[in-house]
C-alpha cells in the first residue's frame, strides 16, 4: 500500500472541504435574508426578472459546495497554494455578486446589469477550478483504495468528467457575458435553465460512469486484501 496514498487519503478531504464549506456557509447566510426580503417586499415576486439572480446565486452556492463534496471522494493530489487561491477567488466573486443583491426597499435594489457581468466573470473564472481538477488528479494516490490499474481508469474517467464540466461552465459564463453585452438581462431565465441542466446532466454522468467503476474498484481491492 502506498504511504503517499494513505497520507493524502487521510488529510485531503478535510483540507479540500473545510475552507469551501465555511466560505459557502457565509455566502448563504448573506443571500437568504435578501431573498426573504425580496419575497416579502415585492408584489407577485415570481413574475419579475429580479428574482432570477437571487435564485441563480442560490444555485451557484449549492453547485460549488456539491462539486467540492464530490471531489473529496473522486479527486486526489498533493495540495498546494492553488487549493487555497481557487476557493478564495470563487468566494470573493460570490461576495462581489452578493453586493448587487441587497434588497432593502424594492425589487429595483437588485442591479441585474452589474450582477450579470459579475456572474459571467465568476463562471468563466470558476471553470478553471474544474480544469485544475482534471489536470491534477493523480492515479497513484488511490492505491490504498484500488489497484493501480483501476486507479488509472478512474483518473481517466475523472479527467473527462471535470474537463467537460469545466467547458460547460465556461460556455455558460460566455453566454451570460453575451446577455450583458446585448443588455438582455431579461433572458437570465435561460441561464437558470442552463445551470440546472448542468447539474442534472453531470449528476447523471457521475452516477452512470464514474461512480459504478469507483465502487467496483473498491470492492475488488477489498476482495484482494481479504485473500491475502
Protein backbone atom coordinates (compact mmCIF):
# COMPACT_ATOMS: atom_id res chain seq x y z
CA UNK A 1 0.00 0.00 0.00
CA UNK A 2 1.38 3.42 -0.95
CA UNK A 3 2.26 5.65 2.01
CA UNK A 4 1.64 8.67 -0.20
CA UNK A 5 -1.87 7.46 -0.99
CA UNK A 6 -2.54 6.78 2.67
CA UNK A 7 -1.29 10.24 3.69
CA UNK A 8 -3.30 12.12 1.06
CA UNK A 9 -6.36 9.95 1.72
CA UNK A 10 -6.23 10.84 5.41
CA UNK A 11 -5.87 14.61 5.02
CA UNK A 12 -7.04 15.60 1.52
CA UNK A 13 -10.83 15.51 2.22
CA UNK A 14 -10.50 17.72 5.30
CA UNK A 15 -8.26 20.27 3.60
CA UNK A 16 -10.38 20.21 0.46
CA UNK A 17 -13.81 20.69 2.05
CA UNK A 18 -13.33 22.65 5.28
CA UNK A 19 -12.47 26.01 3.70
CA UNK A 20 -15.08 25.78 0.97
CA UNK A 21 -17.81 24.78 3.47
CA UNK A 22 -17.01 27.80 5.63
CA UNK A 23 -17.00 30.21 2.71
CA UNK A 24 -20.20 28.83 1.18
CA UNK A 25 -21.90 28.98 4.56
CA UNK A 26 -21.04 32.68 4.83
CA UNK A 27 -22.29 33.31 1.29
CA UNK A 28 -25.56 31.52 2.05
CA UNK A 29 -26.06 33.50 5.26
CA UNK A 30 -25.77 36.72 3.23
CA UNK A 31 -28.07 35.59 0.43
CA UNK A 32 -31.04 34.18 2.37
CA UNK A 33 -32.03 37.47 4.13
CA UNK A 34 -32.05 39.26 0.75
CA UNK A 35 -34.12 36.52 -0.83
CA UNK A 36 -36.62 36.64 2.03
CA UNK A 37 -36.78 40.44 1.86
CA UNK A 38 -37.47 40.24 -1.87
CA UNK A 39 -40.33 37.78 -1.34
CA UNK A 40 -41.74 39.94 1.46
CA UNK A 41 -41.50 43.32 -0.26
CA UNK A 42 -42.39 42.57 -3.89
CA UNK A 43 -45.91 42.03 -5.15
CA UNK A 44 -46.09 38.96 -7.40
CA UNK A 45 -42.41 38.19 -6.69
CA UNK A 46 -42.30 35.20 -9.06
CA UNK A 47 -43.10 37.31 -12.13
CA UNK A 48 -40.08 39.64 -12.13
CA UNK A 49 -36.61 39.12 -13.62
CA UNK A 50 -35.03 40.48 -10.43
CA UNK A 51 -35.79 37.16 -8.74
CA UNK A 52 -33.65 35.21 -11.22
CA UNK A 53 -30.25 36.49 -9.98
CA UNK A 54 -31.23 35.60 -6.42
CA UNK A 55 -32.19 32.05 -7.43
CA UNK A 56 -29.10 31.72 -9.63
CA UNK A 57 -26.93 32.83 -6.72
CA UNK A 58 -28.52 30.18 -4.50
CA UNK A 59 -27.87 27.57 -7.18
CA UNK A 60 -24.25 28.69 -7.60
CA UNK A 61 -23.63 28.26 -3.86
CA UNK A 62 -25.20 24.80 -3.97
CA UNK A 63 -23.21 23.68 -7.03
CA UNK A 64 -19.90 24.96 -5.67
CA UNK A 65 -20.35 23.07 -2.40
CA UNK A 66 -21.79 19.99 -4.09
CA UNK A 67 -18.97 19.62 -6.60
CA UNK A 68 -16.34 20.17 -3.95
CA UNK A 69 -18.08 17.49 -1.86
CA UNK A 70 -17.92 15.15 -4.87
CA UNK A 71 -14.26 15.98 -5.14
CA UNK A 72 -13.40 14.57 -1.71
CA UNK A 73 -14.39 11.13 -2.99
CA UNK A 74 -13.20 11.18 -6.58
CA UNK A 75 -10.17 13.52 -6.56
CA UNK A 76 -6.72 13.28 -5.02
CA UNK A 77 -3.49 15.20 -5.44
CA UNK A 78 -0.88 16.81 -3.22
CA UNK A 79 -2.37 20.18 -2.19
CA UNK A 80 -0.52 23.39 -2.96
CA UNK A 81 -1.26 27.10 -2.92
CA UNK A 82 -3.74 26.72 -5.80
CA UNK A 83 -6.05 24.80 -3.45
CA UNK A 84 -6.33 27.95 -1.36
CA UNK A 85 -6.33 30.50 -4.17
CA UNK A 86 -9.12 28.91 -6.26
CA UNK A 87 -11.74 28.58 -3.46
CA UNK A 88 -11.00 32.10 -2.23
CA UNK A 89 -11.22 33.61 -5.72
CA UNK A 90 -14.58 31.85 -6.25
CA UNK A 91 -15.85 33.08 -2.88
CA UNK A 92 -14.62 36.65 -3.41
CA UNK A 93 -16.55 36.59 -6.69
CA UNK A 94 -19.64 35.33 -4.88
CA UNK A 95 -19.41 38.06 -2.23
CA UNK A 96 -18.99 40.62 -5.02
CA UNK A 97 -22.12 39.30 -6.72
CA UNK A 98 -23.96 39.44 -3.42
CA UNK A 99 -23.32 43.20 -3.23
CA UNK A 100 -25.74 43.67 -6.16
CA UNK A 101 -28.49 41.62 -4.50
CA UNK A 102 -29.14 43.64 -1.35
CA UNK A 103 -32.92 44.05 -1.23
CA UNK A 104 -33.96 46.80 1.20
CA UNK A 105 -36.92 48.78 -0.11
CA UNK A 106 -37.88 47.45 -3.56
CA UNK A 107 -37.02 44.87 -6.17
CA UNK A 108 -35.11 47.53 -8.10
CA UNK A 109 -32.41 47.36 -5.44
CA UNK A 110 -31.28 44.28 -7.39
CA UNK A 111 -28.81 45.57 -10.01
CA UNK A 112 -29.35 42.98 -12.72
CA UNK A 113 -26.95 44.57 -15.25
CA UNK A 114 -23.96 44.69 -12.91
CA UNK A 115 -24.83 41.30 -11.45
CA UNK A 116 -24.98 39.66 -14.89
CA UNK A 117 -21.49 40.92 -15.76
CA UNK A 118 -20.15 39.70 -12.42
CA UNK A 119 -21.92 36.36 -12.86
CA UNK A 120 -20.32 35.88 -16.27
CA UNK A 121 -16.86 36.61 -14.89
CA UNK A 122 -17.37 34.30 -11.89
CA UNK A 123 -18.43 31.42 -14.15
CA UNK A 124 -15.57 31.94 -16.58
CA UNK A 125 -13.02 32.08 -13.76
CA UNK A 126 -14.76 29.25 -11.90
CA UNK A 127 -14.46 26.96 -14.90
CA UNK A 128 -10.72 26.77 -14.19
CA UNK A 129 -11.47 25.01 -10.90
CA UNK A 130 -12.87 22.14 -12.99
CA UNK A 131 -9.94 22.26 -15.40
CA UNK A 132 -7.50 22.23 -12.49
CA UNK A 133 -9.18 19.12 -11.06
CA UNK A 134 -8.97 17.43 -14.46
CA UNK A 135 -5.28 18.23 -14.85
CA UNK A 136 -4.13 17.38 -11.33
CA UNK A 137 -5.90 14.15 -10.32
CA UNK A 138 -3.23 11.53 -9.58
CA UNK A 139 -3.95 7.81 -10.11
CA UNK A 140 -1.14 6.68 -7.79
CA UNK A 141 -2.79 8.38 -4.81
CA UNK A 142 -5.75 5.96 -4.94
CA UNK A 143 -3.65 2.82 -4.44
CA UNK A 144 -4.76 2.46 -0.82
CA UNK A 145 -8.31 2.01 -2.18
CA UNK A 146 -7.88 0.24 -5.52
CA UNK A 147 -5.28 -1.31 -7.79
CA UNK A 148 -3.10 0.99 -9.85
CA UNK A 149 -4.81 -0.32 -12.99
CA UNK A 150 -8.22 0.69 -11.66
CA UNK A 151 -6.72 3.93 -10.38
CA UNK A 152 -5.63 4.83 -13.90
CA UNK A 153 -9.11 4.04 -15.27
CA UNK A 154 -10.66 6.16 -12.52
CA UNK A 155 -8.25 9.00 -13.27
CA UNK A 156 -9.17 8.94 -16.96
CA UNK A 157 -12.92 8.95 -16.19
CA UNK A 158 -12.42 11.78 -13.71
CA UNK A 159 -10.41 13.84 -16.17
CA UNK A 160 -13.18 13.57 -18.77
CA UNK A 161 -15.89 14.38 -16.22
CA UNK A 162 -14.26 17.54 -14.88
CA UNK A 163 -12.96 18.65 -18.27
CA UNK A 164 -16.44 18.56 -19.81
CA UNK A 165 -17.92 20.18 -16.69
CA UNK A 166 -15.36 22.97 -17.00
CA UNK A 167 -16.28 23.59 -20.63
CA UNK A 168 -19.97 23.60 -19.65
CA UNK A 169 -19.41 26.32 -17.05
CA UNK A 170 -17.11 28.26 -19.40
CA UNK A 171 -19.81 28.27 -22.10
CA UNK A 172 -22.45 29.37 -19.59
CA UNK A 173 -20.22 32.22 -18.47
CA UNK A 174 -19.72 33.25 -22.10
CA UNK A 175 -23.48 33.17 -22.65
CA UNK A 176 -24.05 35.39 -19.59
CA UNK A 177 -21.41 37.79 -20.91
CA UNK A 178 -23.32 37.89 -24.20
CA UNK A 179 -26.53 38.76 -22.32
CA UNK A 180 -24.76 41.61 -20.56
CA UNK A 181 -23.25 42.95 -23.79
CA UNK A 182 -26.65 42.83 -25.51
CA UNK A 183 -28.41 44.35 -22.46
CA UNK A 184 -30.76 41.35 -22.36
CA UNK A 185 -30.85 40.59 -18.65
CA UNK A 186 -34.48 39.64 -19.20
CA UNK A 187 -33.07 36.42 -20.69
CA UNK A 188 -31.41 35.42 -17.41
CA UNK A 189 -34.03 32.72 -17.02
CA UNK A 190 -32.21 30.88 -19.83
CA UNK A 191 -29.05 30.96 -17.70
CA UNK A 192 -31.03 29.45 -14.84
CA UNK A 193 -32.25 26.63 -17.09
CA UNK A 194 -28.70 26.02 -18.36
CA UNK A 195 -27.27 25.85 -14.84
CA UNK A 196 -29.95 23.40 -13.70
CA UNK A 197 -29.25 21.32 -16.82
CA UNK A 198 -25.53 21.38 -15.98
CA UNK A 199 -26.25 20.00 -12.54
CA UNK A 200 -28.63 17.29 -13.77
CA UNK A 201 -26.51 16.14 -16.73
CA UNK A 202 -23.30 15.84 -14.74
CA UNK A 203 -25.07 14.11 -11.87
CA UNK A 204 -26.34 11.51 -14.36
CA UNK A 205 -22.85 11.12 -15.83
CA UNK A 206 -21.44 10.70 -12.33
CA UNK A 207 -23.96 8.01 -11.42
CA UNK A 208 -23.61 6.13 -14.71
CA UNK A 209 -19.85 6.24 -15.34
CA UNK A 210 -17.54 7.37 -12.52
CA UNK A 211 -19.38 6.00 -9.51
CA UNK A 212 -20.02 2.42 -10.79
CA UNK A 213 -16.35 1.92 -11.69
CA UNK A 214 -15.21 3.52 -8.43
CA UNK A 215 -17.42 1.22 -6.33
CA UNK A 216 -16.37 -1.85 -8.32
CA UNK A 217 -12.69 -0.96 -7.90
CA UNK A 218 -13.17 -0.61 -4.14
CA UNK A 219 -14.87 -4.00 -3.95
CA UNK A 220 -12.15 -5.70 -6.00
CA UNK A 221 -9.45 -4.18 -3.81
CA UNK A 222 -11.24 -5.33 -0.65
CA UNK A 223 -11.58 -8.87 -2.03
CA UNK A 224 -7.87 -8.97 -2.90
CA UNK A 225 -6.98 -7.72 0.58
CA UNK A 226 -9.13 -10.40 2.22
CA UNK A 227 -7.43 -13.14 0.19
CA UNK A 228 -4.00 -12.16 1.45
